[in-house]
Amino acid sequence: MTNNDTLRRLRYALNINDLLVAQITSKSGRETSKEEVATWLKREDAPGYVALSDSDLSSFLDGLIIEKRGPNPSGKIPLPLEFLSNNDILKKLRIAYNFKSEDTLAIFKKAGFAISNAELGSFSRKSDRFYFAKCPEQVLRKFITGLSL
């Protein structure tokens, strides 16, 4: 799943338009226009398609955190991640919506996907930890589907 696919799925799940995607992304310090968002949301074979970089998707997710939870009390805006993994995307979405483990498991259940609390915890660990596991694309897709439901 490309970053563009992820953004398209999130836009649908959150029921937001291109302008709101641009405004959310701009909250993270990366100025974005509605037209630029439209190029990100096009299909790969459509004319005018622009690949969404990891740092741009990270900026959108950081902006979503600011949108849902408010700005950091220190006033700092996090720098976008250069390399964004499925684990990072899942973590940022959980932070944005202030989901606890039970909430996240309920979202997976809504999407018809069974996952254990231990498995969910392994996706949230740092990559150098023993019980770390990479988040497969299917898990991220099911989580976004559960969000839309």
C-alpha atoms as a PDB file:
ATOM      1  CA  MET A   1       0.000   0.000   0.000  1.00  0.00           C
ATOM      2  CA  THR A   2       1.510   3.329  -1.034  1.00  0.00           C
ATOM      3  CA  ASN A   3       1.332   6.521   0.994  1.00  0.00           C
ATOM      4  CA  ASN A   4      -1.193   7.827  -1.531  1.00  0.00           C
ATOM      5  CA  ASP A   5      -3.406   4.782  -0.897  1.00  0.00           C
ATOM      6  CA  THR A   6      -3.138   5.337   2.841  1.00  0.00           C
ATOM      7  CA  LEU A   7      -4.127   8.996   2.514  1.00  0.00           C
ATOM      8  CA  ARG A   8      -7.061   8.103   0.230  1.00  0.00           C
ATOM      9  CA  ARG A   9      -8.289   5.509   2.728  1.00  0.00           C
ATOM     10  CA  LEU A  10      -7.897   7.903   5.665  1.00  0.00           C
ATOM     11  CA  ARG A  11      -9.689  10.690   3.803  1.00  0.00           C
ATOM     12  CA  TYR A  12     -12.607   8.342   3.162  1.00  0.00           C
ATOM     13  CA  ALA A  13     -12.593   6.894   6.704  1.00  0.00           C
ATOM     14  CA  LEU A  14     -12.524  10.336   8.325  1.00  0.00           C
ATOM     15  CA  ASN A  15     -15.070  11.700   5.826  1.00  0.00           C
ATOM     16  CA  ILE A  16     -13.059  14.827   5.030  1.00  0.00           C
ATOM     17  CA  ASN A  17     -12.579  16.770   1.788  1.00  0.00           C
ATOM     18  CA  ASP A  18      -9.399  17.910   0.022  1.00  0.00           C
ATOM     19  CA  LEU A  19      -9.488  21.360   1.620  1.00  0.00           C
ATOM     20  CA  LEU A  20      -9.682  19.893   5.123  1.00  0.00           C
ATOM     21  CA  VAL A  21      -6.790  17.514   4.335  1.00  0.00           C
ATOM     22  CA  ALA A  22      -4.734  20.569   3.270  1.00  0.00           C
ATOM     23  CA  GLN A  23      -5.700  22.497   6.415  1.00  0.00           C
ATOM     24  CA  ILE A  24      -4.855  19.550   8.681  1.00  0.00           C
ATOM     25  CA  THR A  25      -1.485  19.082   6.973  1.00  0.00           C
ATOM     26  CA  SER A  26      -0.749  22.802   7.316  1.00  0.00           C
ATOM     27  CA  LYS A  27      -1.218  22.592  11.096  1.00  0.00           C
ATOM     28  CA  SER A  28       2.018  20.610  11.237  1.00  0.00           C
ATOM     29  CA  GLY A  29       3.976  23.455   9.643  1.00  0.00           C
ATOM     30  CA  ARG A  30       3.932  22.138   6.066  1.00  0.00           C
ATOM     31  CA  GLU A  31       1.913  24.571   3.975  1.00  0.00           C
ATOM     32  CA  THR A  32      -0.333  22.609   1.652  1.00  0.00           C
ATOM     33  CA  SER A  33      -2.940  23.640  -0.897  1.00  0.00           C
ATOM     34  CA  LYS A  34      -6.155  21.937  -1.943  1.00  0.00           C
ATOM     35  CA  GLU A  35      -4.700  21.503  -5.439  1.00  0.00           C
ATOM     36  CA  GLU A  36      -1.620  19.720  -4.100  1.00  0.00           C
ATOM     37  CA  VAL A  37      -3.822  17.359  -2.085  1.00  0.00           C
ATOM     38  CA  ALA A  38      -5.831  16.626  -5.251  1.00  0.00           C
ATOM     39  CA  THR A  39      -2.636  15.465  -6.996  1.00  0.00           C
ATOM     40  CA  TRP A  40      -1.866  13.147  -4.069  1.00  0.00           C
ATOM     41  CA  LEU A  41      -5.334  11.599  -4.177  1.00  0.00           C
ATOM     42  CA  LYS A  42      -5.269  10.740  -7.885  1.00  0.00           C
ATOM     43  CA  ARG A  43      -4.740   7.146  -8.975  1.00  0.00           C
ATOM     44  CA  GLU A  44      -1.257   6.135 -10.101  1.00  0.00           C
ATOM     45  CA  ASP A  45      -2.259   5.966 -13.768  1.00  0.00           C
ATOM     46  CA  ALA A  46      -4.112   9.321 -13.797  1.00  0.00           C
ATOM     47  CA  PRO A  47      -2.478  12.380 -15.352  1.00  0.00           C
ATOM     48  CA  GLY A  48      -1.114  14.785 -12.741  1.00  0.00           C
ATOM     49  CA  TYR A  49      -0.507  12.071 -10.147  1.00  0.00           C
ATOM     50  CA  VAL A  50       2.179  12.971  -7.579  1.00  0.00           C
ATOM     51  CA  ALA A  51       3.621  10.379  -5.197  1.00  0.00           C
ATOM     52  CA  LEU A  52       3.151  11.286  -1.548  1.00  0.00           C
ATOM     53  CA  SER A  53       6.420  11.176   0.384  1.00  0.00           C
ATOM     54  CA  ASP A  54       6.798   9.679   3.849  1.00  0.00           C
ATOM     55  CA  SER A  55       7.482  13.121   5.330  1.00  0.00           C
ATOM     56  CA  ASP A  56       4.320  14.571   3.741  1.00  0.00           C
ATOM     57  CA  LEU A  57       2.146  11.742   5.095  1.00  0.00           C
ATOM     58  CA  SER A  58       3.853  12.185   8.458  1.00  0.00           C
ATOM     59  CA  SER A  59       2.994  15.906   8.318  1.00  0.00           C
ATOM     60  CA  PHE A  60      -0.662  15.050   7.680  1.00  0.00           C
ATOM     61  CA  LEU A  61      -0.722  12.615  10.615  1.00  0.00           C
ATOM     62  CA  ASP A  62       1.016  15.129  12.908  1.00  0.00           C
ATOM     63  CA  GLY A  63      -1.531  17.735  11.809  1.00  0.00           C
ATOM     64  CA  LEU A  64      -4.317  15.257  12.601  1.00  0.00           C
ATOM     65  CA  ILE A  65      -2.916  14.852  16.108  1.00  0.00           C
ATOM     66  CA  ILE A  66      -2.919  18.640  16.533  1.00  0.00           C
ATOM     67  CA  GLU A  67      -6.458  18.838  15.078  1.00  0.00           C
ATOM     68  CA  LYS A  68      -7.887  16.166  17.393  1.00  0.00           C
ATOM     69  CA  ARG A  69      -5.893  16.727  20.594  1.00  0.00           C
ATOM     70  CA  GLY A  70      -4.770  20.324  20.325  1.00  0.00           C
ATOM     71  CA  PRO A  71      -1.272  21.736  20.063  1.00  0.00           C
ATOM     72  CA  ASN A  72       1.551  20.583  22.296  1.00  0.00           C
ATOM     73  CA  PRO A  73       1.590  22.691  25.502  1.00  0.00           C
ATOM     74  CA  SER A  74       5.242  23.539  24.815  1.00  0.00           C
ATOM     75  CA  GLY A  75       4.229  24.945  21.420  1.00  0.00           C
ATOM     76  CA  LYS A  76       6.605  22.612  19.589  1.00  0.00           C
ATOM     77  CA  ILE A  77       5.506  21.036  16.335  1.00  0.00           C
ATOM     78  CA  PRO A  78       7.142  17.650  15.719  1.00  0.00           C
ATOM     79  CA  LEU A  79       9.420  17.307  12.731  1.00  0.00           C
ATOM     80  CA  PRO A  80       8.016  14.946  10.092  1.00  0.00           C
ATOM     81  CA  LEU A  81       9.557  11.502   9.955  1.00  0.00           C
ATOM     82  CA  GLU A  82      11.806  10.876   6.956  1.00  0.00           C
ATOM     83  CA  PHE A  83      10.877   7.207   6.833  1.00  0.00           C
ATOM     84  CA  LEU A  84       7.360   6.218   7.849  1.00  0.00           C
ATOM     85  CA  SER A  85       6.438   2.602   8.570  1.00  0.00           C
ATOM     86  CA  ASN A  86       3.013   1.049   9.047  1.00  0.00           C
ATOM     87  CA  ASN A  87       3.838   0.897  12.764  1.00  0.00           C
ATOM     88  CA  ASP A  88       4.385   4.674  12.811  1.00  0.00           C
ATOM     89  CA  ILE A  89       1.101   5.308  10.986  1.00  0.00           C
ATOM     90  CA  LEU A  90      -0.808   3.090  13.418  1.00  0.00           C
ATOM     91  CA  LYS A  91       0.855   4.794  16.411  1.00  0.00           C
ATOM     92  CA  LYS A  92       0.068   8.296  15.126  1.00  0.00           C
ATOM     93  CA  LEU A  93      -3.580   7.391  14.490  1.00  0.00           C
ATOM     94  CA  ARG A  94      -3.893   5.928  17.984  1.00  0.00           C
ATOM     95  CA  ILE A  95      -2.378   9.100  19.444  1.00  0.00           C
ATOM     96  CA  ALA A  96      -4.626  11.383  17.402  1.00  0.00           C
ATOM     97  CA  TYR A  97      -7.771   9.676  18.655  1.00  0.00           C
ATOM     98  CA  ASN A  98      -6.412   8.939  22.135  1.00  0.00           C
ATOM     99  CA  PHE A  99      -7.193   5.239  21.715  1.00  0.00           C
ATOM    100  CA  LYS A 100      -6.320   2.840  24.479  1.00  0.00           C
ATOM    101  CA  SER A 101      -5.670  -0.820  23.676  1.00  0.00           C
ATOM    102  CA  GLU A 102      -9.316  -1.750  24.304  1.00  0.00           C
ATOM    103  CA  ASP A 103     -10.499   0.962  21.900  1.00  0.00           C
ATOM    104  CA  THR A 104      -8.095  -0.185  19.212  1.00  0.00           C
ATOM    105  CA  LEU A 105      -9.115  -3.820  19.628  1.00  0.00           C
ATOM    106  CA  ALA A 106     -12.782  -2.776  19.326  1.00  0.00           C
ATOM    107  CA  ILE A 107     -11.990  -1.021  16.036  1.00  0.00           C
ATOM    108  CA  PHE A 108     -10.346  -4.164  14.688  1.00  0.00           C
ATOM    109  CA  LYS A 109     -13.352  -6.193  15.831  1.00  0.00           C
ATOM    110  CA  LYS A 110     -15.688  -3.817  13.949  1.00  0.00           C
ATOM    111  CA  ALA A 111     -13.663  -4.479  10.822  1.00  0.00           C
ATOM    112  CA  GLY A 112     -14.043  -8.228  11.372  1.00  0.00           C
ATOM    113  CA  PHE A 113     -10.380  -8.736  12.176  1.00  0.00           C
ATOM    114  CA  ALA A 114      -9.163 -10.713  15.190  1.00  0.00           C
ATOM    115  CA  ILE A 115      -5.985  -9.479  16.852  1.00  0.00           C
ATOM    116  CA  SER A 116      -4.655 -10.103  20.362  1.00  0.00           C
ATOM    117  CA  ASN A 117      -3.619  -7.452  22.842  1.00  0.00           C
ATOM    118  CA  ALA A 118      -0.073  -8.853  22.836  1.00  0.00           C
ATOM    119  CA  GLU A 119       0.136  -8.605  19.057  1.00  0.00           C
ATOM    120  CA  LEU A 120      -1.176  -5.046  19.169  1.00  0.00           C
ATOM    121  CA  GLY A 121       1.438  -4.185  21.790  1.00  0.00           C
ATOM    122  CA  SER A 122       4.210  -5.588  19.616  1.00  0.00           C
ATOM    123  CA  PHE A 123       3.323  -3.054  16.895  1.00  0.00           C
ATOM    124  CA  SER A 124       3.772  -0.171  19.366  1.00  0.00           C
ATOM    125  CA  ARG A 125       7.227  -1.138  20.588  1.00  0.00           C
ATOM    126  CA  LYS A 126      10.473   0.403  19.425  1.00  0.00           C
ATOM    127  CA  SER A 127      12.103  -1.498  16.594  1.00  0.00           C
ATOM    128  CA  ASP A 128      15.132  -2.495  18.653  1.00  0.00           C
ATOM    129  CA  ARG A 129      13.023  -4.256  21.324  1.00  0.00           C
ATOM    130  CA  PHE A 130      12.773  -8.027  21.522  1.00  0.00           C
ATOM    131  CA  TYR A 131       8.991  -8.301  21.100  1.00  0.00           C
ATOM    132  CA  PHE A 132       8.759  -5.736  18.278  1.00  0.00           C
ATOM    133  CA  ALA A 133       6.810  -6.845  15.205  1.00  0.00           C
ATOM    134  CA  LYS A 134       6.359  -5.064  11.884  1.00  0.00           C
ATOM    135  CA  CYS A 135       2.774  -4.065  11.236  1.00  0.00           C
ATOM    136  CA  PRO A 136       1.593  -5.803   8.055  1.00  0.00           C
ATOM    137  CA  GLU A 137      -0.335  -3.790   5.463  1.00  0.00           C
ATOM    138  CA  GLN A 138      -3.419  -5.915   6.044  1.00  0.00           C
ATOM    139  CA  VAL A 139      -3.502  -4.896   9.722  1.00  0.00           C
ATOM    140  CA  LEU A 140      -3.225  -1.198   8.859  1.00  0.00           C
ATOM    141  CA  ARG A 141      -5.930  -1.554   6.178  1.00  0.00           C
ATOM    142  CA  LYS A 142      -8.275  -3.275   8.636  1.00  0.00           C
ATOM    143  CA  PHE A 143      -7.664  -0.572  11.241  1.00  0.00           C
ATOM    144  CA  ILE A 144      -8.526   2.197   8.765  1.00  0.00           C
ATOM    145  CA  THR A 145     -11.593   0.214   7.645  1.00  0.00           C
ATOM    146  CA  GLY A 146     -12.656  -0.091  11.285  1.00  0.00           C
ATOM    147  CA  LEU A 147     -12.244   3.652  11.710  1.00  0.00           C
ATOM    148  CA  SER A 148     -14.621   4.271   8.829  1.00  0.00           C
ATOM    149  CA  LEU A 149     -17.232   1.941  10.351  1.00  0.00           C
END
